Amino acid sequence: MPDQKIIGVLFIDRFADWEYGLLAASAVEWFGTRAVSLTPDGKSVGSASGFLLTPDRSAKAHENTDLDGVAVIGSDRWTSDASPDVSGLLTAVATRGGVVGGICAGTLALARAGLFDKVKHTSNGRDWINENEPGYAGAENYQDVPHAVADSRIVSAPGSAPGTFALAYLKTLYPERSGDVAQMRALFAKEYAEGS
């Protein structure tokens, strides 16, 4: 597939199991994307449920020059003073016009990289992001909504919104495929429309 796009899905230890599945699987199955798993140092990490993930590669910018986008998955470790600095990768992808997304605490990595400076964005709540990254550039652009926000090539979402995160990310990565995104949205919505 000569025009196949590649996205990196970035995980750190204690990553949130529920935040990446709809994006990664939909990207591969519906859009023919190649998804690669990344960790800051290329070493295995565990999920919040205890599953072990062995990545395809590290999050070093020079190892990921082929990425059309990167999605940062949440983990309670992003709120730690010892959280990894992945700004080099995020700014490299953004600078070359790629899509950069963050969900839940993964949004802190985007804030630390300065990617919210001029775009509307969301996270786990205005107070939450300001408490964890006080004075970040672009705080005035925060949107207090329960779903994903896409502005330019930056996508953000609260941890409770993996469905709209996947939709907004793929719509941004594939603007010419709005019909496929609409089909996905309709499929996802059926779960809630038909009761439980």
C-alpha atoms as a PDB file:
ATOM      1  CA  MET A   1       0.000   0.000   0.000  1.00  0.00           C
ATOM      2  CA  PRO A   2       2.104   2.965  -1.229  1.00  0.00           C
ATOM      3  CA  ASP A   3       0.085   5.718   0.499  1.00  0.00           C
ATOM      4  CA  GLN A   4      -0.380   3.858   3.782  1.00  0.00           C
ATOM      5  CA  LYS A   5      -0.219   6.205   6.753  1.00  0.00           C
ATOM      6  CA  ILE A   6       1.615   5.274   9.933  1.00  0.00           C
ATOM      7  CA  ILE A   7       0.623   6.314  13.441  1.00  0.00           C
ATOM      8  CA  GLY A   8       2.512   5.806  16.647  1.00  0.00           C
ATOM      9  CA  VAL A   9       0.577   5.013  19.807  1.00  0.00           C
ATOM     10  CA  LEU A  10       2.632   6.121  22.797  1.00  0.00           C
ATOM     11  CA  PHE A  11       2.365   4.225  26.074  1.00  0.00           C
ATOM     12  CA  ILE A  12       4.013   4.680  29.455  1.00  0.00           C
ATOM     13  CA  ASP A  13       3.794   2.463  32.513  1.00  0.00           C
ATOM     14  CA  ARG A  14       0.260   1.990  33.912  1.00  0.00           C
ATOM     15  CA  PHE A  15      -1.314   3.093  30.610  1.00  0.00           C
ATOM     16  CA  ALA A  16      -5.115   3.121  30.468  1.00  0.00           C
ATOM     17  CA  ASP A  17      -6.260  -0.045  28.685  1.00  0.00           C
ATOM     18  CA  TRP A  18      -9.568   1.470  27.488  1.00  0.00           C
ATOM     19  CA  GLU A  19      -8.156   4.563  25.778  1.00  0.00           C
ATOM     20  CA  TYR A  20      -6.378   3.260  22.685  1.00  0.00           C
ATOM     21  CA  GLY A  21      -8.335   0.258  21.369  1.00  0.00           C
ATOM     22  CA  LEU A  22     -10.966   2.051  19.296  1.00  0.00           C
ATOM     23  CA  LEU A  23      -8.365   4.332  17.720  1.00  0.00           C
ATOM     24  CA  ALA A  24      -5.705   1.746  16.932  1.00  0.00           C
ATOM     25  CA  ALA A  25      -8.028  -1.016  15.752  1.00  0.00           C
ATOM     26  CA  SER A  26     -10.243   1.335  13.716  1.00  0.00           C
ATOM     27  CA  ALA A  27      -7.219   2.963  12.098  1.00  0.00           C
ATOM     28  CA  VAL A  28      -5.883  -0.412  10.991  1.00  0.00           C
ATOM     29  CA  GLU A  29      -9.134  -2.190  10.105  1.00  0.00           C
ATOM     30  CA  TRP A  30     -11.189   0.660   8.606  1.00  0.00           C
ATOM     31  CA  PHE A  31      -8.504   2.904   7.158  1.00  0.00           C
ATOM     32  CA  GLY A  32      -5.578   0.601   6.349  1.00  0.00           C
ATOM     33  CA  THR A  33      -3.256   2.526   8.629  1.00  0.00           C
ATOM     34  CA  ARG A  34      -0.137   0.929  10.072  1.00  0.00           C
ATOM     35  CA  ALA A  35      -0.082   1.405  13.851  1.00  0.00           C
ATOM     36  CA  VAL A  36       3.152   1.046  15.826  1.00  0.00           C
ATOM     37  CA  SER A  37       3.482   0.956  19.589  1.00  0.00           C
ATOM     38  CA  LEU A  38       5.959   3.308  21.247  1.00  0.00           C
ATOM     39  CA  THR A  39       7.350   3.682  24.748  1.00  0.00           C
ATOM     40  CA  PRO A  40       9.744   6.433  25.832  1.00  0.00           C
ATOM     41  CA  ASP A  41      12.814   4.170  25.983  1.00  0.00           C
ATOM     42  CA  GLY A  42      11.641   1.230  23.860  1.00  0.00           C
ATOM     43  CA  LYS A  43      11.225  -0.998  26.920  1.00  0.00           C
ATOM     44  CA  SER A  44       8.123  -2.940  27.932  1.00  0.00           C
ATOM     45  CA  VAL A  45       5.474  -1.246  30.089  1.00  0.00           C
ATOM     46  CA  GLY A  46       2.483  -2.550  32.025  1.00  0.00           C
ATOM     47  CA  SER A  47      -1.098  -1.371  31.719  1.00  0.00           C
ATOM     48  CA  ALA A  48      -3.423  -0.325  34.527  1.00  0.00           C
ATOM     49  CA  SER A  49      -4.911  -3.845  34.418  1.00  0.00           C
ATOM     50  CA  GLY A  50      -1.490  -5.480  34.518  1.00  0.00           C
ATOM     51  CA  PHE A  51      -1.113  -6.457  30.853  1.00  0.00           C
ATOM     52  CA  LEU A  52       2.436  -6.228  29.510  1.00  0.00           C
ATOM     53  CA  LEU A  53       3.128  -4.340  26.276  1.00  0.00           C
ATOM     54  CA  THR A  54       6.394  -4.780  24.378  1.00  0.00           C
ATOM     55  CA  PRO A  55       6.716  -1.830  21.980  1.00  0.00           C
ATOM     56  CA  ASP A  56       7.746  -1.759  18.356  1.00  0.00           C
ATOM     57  CA  ARG A  57      10.172   1.093  19.039  1.00  0.00           C
ATOM     58  CA  SER A  58      11.102   3.948  21.351  1.00  0.00           C
ATOM     59  CA  ALA A  59       9.607   7.438  21.290  1.00  0.00           C
ATOM     60  CA  LYS A  60      12.851   9.064  20.173  1.00  0.00           C
ATOM     61  CA  ALA A  61      12.150  11.513  17.339  1.00  0.00           C
ATOM     62  CA  HIS A  62      14.897  10.146  15.076  1.00  0.00           C
ATOM     63  CA  GLU A  63      13.354   6.640  15.211  1.00  0.00           C
ATOM     64  CA  ASN A  64       9.949   7.953  14.132  1.00  0.00           C
ATOM     65  CA  THR A  65      10.496  10.143  11.090  1.00  0.00           C
ATOM     66  CA  ASP A  66       7.977   8.005   9.184  1.00  0.00           C
ATOM     67  CA  LEU A  67       5.024   8.795  11.471  1.00  0.00           C
ATOM     68  CA  ASP A  68       2.030  10.670  10.065  1.00  0.00           C
ATOM     69  CA  GLY A  69       0.665  11.003  13.577  1.00  0.00           C
ATOM     70  CA  VAL A  70       1.141  10.087  17.207  1.00  0.00           C
ATOM     71  CA  ALA A  71      -1.410   9.485  19.967  1.00  0.00           C
ATOM     72  CA  VAL A  72      -0.400   9.772  23.624  1.00  0.00           C
ATOM     73  CA  ILE A  73      -2.353   7.384  25.843  1.00  0.00           C
ATOM     74  CA  GLY A  74      -3.188   8.303  29.414  1.00  0.00           C
ATOM     75  CA  SER A  75      -1.595   6.948  32.565  1.00  0.00           C
ATOM     76  CA  ASP A  76      -1.562   8.209  36.142  1.00  0.00           C
ATOM     77  CA  ARG A  77       2.236   8.388  35.723  1.00  0.00           C
ATOM     78  CA  TRP A  78       1.880  11.471  33.454  1.00  0.00           C
ATOM     79  CA  THR A  79       0.959  13.409  36.617  1.00  0.00           C
ATOM     80  CA  SER A  80       4.221  12.442  38.313  1.00  0.00           C
ATOM     81  CA  ASP A  81       7.278  14.670  38.521  1.00  0.00           C
ATOM     82  CA  ALA A  82       9.176  11.727  36.998  1.00  0.00           C
ATOM     83  CA  SER A  83       6.991  11.502  33.877  1.00  0.00           C
ATOM     84  CA  PRO A  84       8.965  11.106  30.660  1.00  0.00           C
ATOM     85  CA  ASP A  85       9.682  14.042  28.370  1.00  0.00           C
ATOM     86  CA  VAL A  86       8.370  13.147  24.922  1.00  0.00           C
ATOM     87  CA  SER A  87       8.270  16.728  23.645  1.00  0.00           C
ATOM     88  CA  GLY A  88      10.904  16.023  20.990  1.00  0.00           C
ATOM     89  CA  LEU A  89       8.718  13.440  19.277  1.00  0.00           C
ATOM     90  CA  LEU A  90       5.486  15.422  19.619  1.00  0.00           C
ATOM     91  CA  THR A  91       6.930  18.657  18.264  1.00  0.00           C
ATOM     92  CA  ALA A  92       8.718  16.824  15.427  1.00  0.00           C
ATOM     93  CA  VAL A  93       5.469  15.192  14.287  1.00  0.00           C
ATOM     94  CA  ALA A  94       3.528  18.458  14.659  1.00  0.00           C
ATOM     95  CA  THR A  95       6.184  20.480  12.806  1.00  0.00           C
ATOM     96  CA  ARG A  96       5.991  18.220   9.771  1.00  0.00           C
ATOM     97  CA  GLY A  97       2.183  18.524   9.693  1.00  0.00           C
ATOM     98  CA  GLY A  98       1.323  15.264  11.416  1.00  0.00           C
ATOM     99  CA  VAL A  99      -1.586  14.694  13.757  1.00  0.00           C
ATOM    100  CA  VAL A 100      -0.756  14.783  17.471  1.00  0.00           C
ATOM    101  CA  GLY A 101      -3.342  13.551  19.942  1.00  0.00           C
ATOM    102  CA  GLY A 102      -3.579  13.047  23.661  1.00  0.00           C
ATOM    103  CA  ILE A 103      -6.257  11.451  25.800  1.00  0.00           C
ATOM    104  CA  CYS A 104      -6.750  11.711  29.555  1.00  0.00           C
ATOM    105  CA  ALA A 105      -3.452  12.352  31.334  1.00  0.00           C
ATOM    106  CA  GLY A 106      -1.700  11.981  27.966  1.00  0.00           C
ATOM    107  CA  THR A 107      -2.892  15.540  27.309  1.00  0.00           C
ATOM    108  CA  LEU A 108      -0.283  16.700  29.836  1.00  0.00           C
ATOM    109  CA  ALA A 109       2.478  15.639  27.417  1.00  0.00           C
ATOM    110  CA  LEU A 110       0.927  17.888  24.732  1.00  0.00           C
ATOM    111  CA  ALA A 111       0.640  20.783  27.185  1.00  0.00           C
ATOM    112  CA  ARG A 112       4.286  20.353  28.243  1.00  0.00           C
ATOM    113  CA  ALA A 113       5.346  20.348  24.582  1.00  0.00           C
ATOM    114  CA  GLY A 114       3.555  23.679  24.059  1.00  0.00           C
ATOM    115  CA  LEU A 115       1.127  22.187  21.530  1.00  0.00           C
ATOM    116  CA  PHE A 116      -1.970  23.749  23.146  1.00  0.00           C
ATOM    117  CA  ASP A 117      -0.579  27.271  22.792  1.00  0.00           C
ATOM    118  CA  LYS A 118      -2.777  28.327  19.874  1.00  0.00           C
ATOM    119  CA  VAL A 119      -5.456  25.606  19.654  1.00  0.00           C
ATOM    120  CA  LYS A 120      -8.703  24.704  21.368  1.00  0.00           C
ATOM    121  CA  HIS A 121      -8.266  21.610  23.488  1.00  0.00           C
ATOM    122  CA  THR A 122      -9.717  19.602  26.346  1.00  0.00           C
ATOM    123  CA  SER A 123      -8.591  17.166  29.025  1.00  0.00           C
ATOM    124  CA  ASN A 124      -9.937  15.687  32.257  1.00  0.00           C
ATOM    125  CA  GLY A 125     -11.299  19.063  33.396  1.00  0.00           C
ATOM    126  CA  ARG A 126     -10.026  22.634  33.530  1.00  0.00           C
ATOM    127  CA  ASP A 127      -9.093  22.400  37.212  1.00  0.00           C
ATOM    128  CA  TRP A 128      -7.391  19.026  36.686  1.00  0.00           C
ATOM    129  CA  ILE A 129      -5.095  20.158  33.856  1.00  0.00           C
ATOM    130  CA  ASN A 130      -4.284  23.443  35.614  1.00  0.00           C
ATOM    131  CA  GLU A 131      -3.445  21.582  38.816  1.00  0.00           C
ATOM    132  CA  ASN A 132      -1.147  19.153  36.990  1.00  0.00           C
ATOM    133  CA  GLU A 133       0.434  21.632  34.555  1.00  0.00           C
ATOM    134  CA  PRO A 134      -0.008  25.111  36.080  1.00  0.00           C
ATOM    135  CA  GLY A 135       0.501  28.020  33.713  1.00  0.00           C
ATOM    136  CA  TYR A 136       0.763  25.917  30.566  1.00  0.00           C
ATOM    137  CA  ALA A 137       0.751  27.822  27.273  1.00  0.00           C
ATOM    138  CA  GLY A 138      -2.744  28.018  25.823  1.00  0.00           C
ATOM    139  CA  ALA A 139      -4.700  27.470  29.040  1.00  0.00           C
ATOM    140  CA  GLU A 140      -7.146  30.132  27.851  1.00  0.00           C
ATOM    141  CA  ASN A 141      -8.064  27.863  24.896  1.00  0.00           C
ATOM    142  CA  TYR A 142      -9.388  25.093  27.148  1.00  0.00           C
ATOM    143  CA  GLN A 143     -12.823  23.708  26.205  1.00  0.00           C
ATOM    144  CA  ASP A 144     -14.779  22.224  29.111  1.00  0.00           C
ATOM    145  CA  VAL A 145     -16.574  19.468  27.167  1.00  0.00           C
ATOM    146  CA  PRO A 146     -17.046  15.703  27.700  1.00  0.00           C
ATOM    147  CA  HIS A 147     -15.870  14.736  24.192  1.00  0.00           C
ATOM    148  CA  ALA A 148     -12.769  15.040  22.024  1.00  0.00           C
ATOM    149  CA  VAL A 149     -11.712  18.383  20.546  1.00  0.00           C
ATOM    150  CA  ALA A 150      -9.776  18.695  17.285  1.00  0.00           C
ATOM    151  CA  ASP A 151      -8.215  21.996  16.248  1.00  0.00           C
ATOM    152  CA  SER A 152      -5.765  22.205  13.374  1.00  0.00           C
ATOM    153  CA  ARG A 153      -3.839  18.924  13.650  1.00  0.00           C
ATOM    154  CA  ILE A 154      -4.088  18.630  17.453  1.00  0.00           C
ATOM    155  CA  VAL A 155      -6.652  16.264  19.019  1.00  0.00           C
ATOM    156  CA  SER A 156      -7.408  16.001  22.733  1.00  0.00           C
ATOM    157  CA  ALA A 157      -9.947  14.176  24.880  1.00  0.00           C
ATOM    158  CA  PRO A 158     -10.833  13.355  28.467  1.00  0.00           C
ATOM    159  CA  GLY A 159     -10.206   9.766  29.522  1.00  0.00           C
ATOM    160  CA  SER A 160     -13.939   9.098  29.463  1.00  0.00           C
ATOM    161  CA  ALA A 161     -14.118   9.737  25.700  1.00  0.00           C
ATOM    162  CA  PRO A 162     -12.121   7.082  23.794  1.00  0.00           C
ATOM    163  CA  GLY A 163     -14.841   6.848  21.131  1.00  0.00           C
ATOM    164  CA  THR A 164     -14.861  10.520  20.178  1.00  0.00           C
ATOM    165  CA  PHE A 165     -11.069  10.571  20.499  1.00  0.00           C
ATOM    166  CA  ALA A 166     -10.808   7.836  17.857  1.00  0.00           C
ATOM    167  CA  LEU A 167     -13.339   9.603  15.618  1.00  0.00           C
ATOM    168  CA  ALA A 168     -11.737  13.055  15.884  1.00  0.00           C
ATOM    169  CA  TYR A 169      -8.237  11.660  15.412  1.00  0.00           C
ATOM    170  CA  LEU A 170      -9.159   9.673  12.298  1.00  0.00           C
ATOM    171  CA  LYS A 171     -11.195  12.554  10.851  1.00  0.00           C
ATOM    172  CA  THR A 172      -8.123  14.781  11.270  1.00  0.00           C
ATOM    173  CA  LEU A 173      -5.755  12.164   9.807  1.00  0.00           C
ATOM    174  CA  TYR A 174      -8.113  11.335   6.918  1.00  0.00           C
ATOM    175  CA  PRO A 175     -10.185  14.459   6.123  1.00  0.00           C
ATOM    176  CA  GLU A 176     -11.059  13.021   2.713  1.00  0.00           C
ATOM    177  CA  ARG A 177     -12.763  10.011   4.344  1.00  0.00           C
ATOM    178  CA  SER A 178     -15.534  11.779   6.235  1.00  0.00           C
ATOM    179  CA  GLY A 179     -18.043   9.157   5.044  1.00  0.00           C
ATOM    180  CA  ASP A 180     -16.095   6.377   6.773  1.00  0.00           C
ATOM    181  CA  VAL A 181     -15.833   8.453   9.941  1.00  0.00           C
ATOM    182  CA  ALA A 182     -19.607   9.059   9.830  1.00  0.00           C
ATOM    183  CA  GLN A 183     -20.195   5.292   9.536  1.00  0.00           C
ATOM    184  CA  MET A 184     -17.936   4.714  12.552  1.00  0.00           C
ATOM    185  CA  ARG A 185     -19.789   7.374  14.550  1.00  0.00           C
ATOM    186  CA  ALA A 186     -23.138   5.745  13.726  1.00  0.00           C
ATOM    187  CA  LEU A 187     -21.807   2.320  14.702  1.00  0.00           C
ATOM    188  CA  PHE A 188     -20.410   3.580  18.016  1.00  0.00           C
ATOM    189  CA  ALA A 189     -23.630   5.489  18.802  1.00  0.00           C
ATOM    190  CA  LYS A 190     -25.785   2.358  18.407  1.00  0.00           C
ATOM    191  CA  GLU A 191     -24.342   0.965  21.620  1.00  0.00           C
ATOM    192  CA  TYR A 192     -25.904   3.809  23.587  1.00  0.00           C
ATOM    193  CA  ALA A 193     -29.064   4.307  21.511  1.00  0.00           C
ATOM    194  CA  GLU A 194     -30.337   0.760  21.986  1.00  0.00           C
ATOM    195  CA  GLY A 195     -30.224   0.720  25.766  1.00  0.00           C
ATOM    196  CA  SER A 196     -28.353  -1.613  28.005  1.00  0.00           C
END
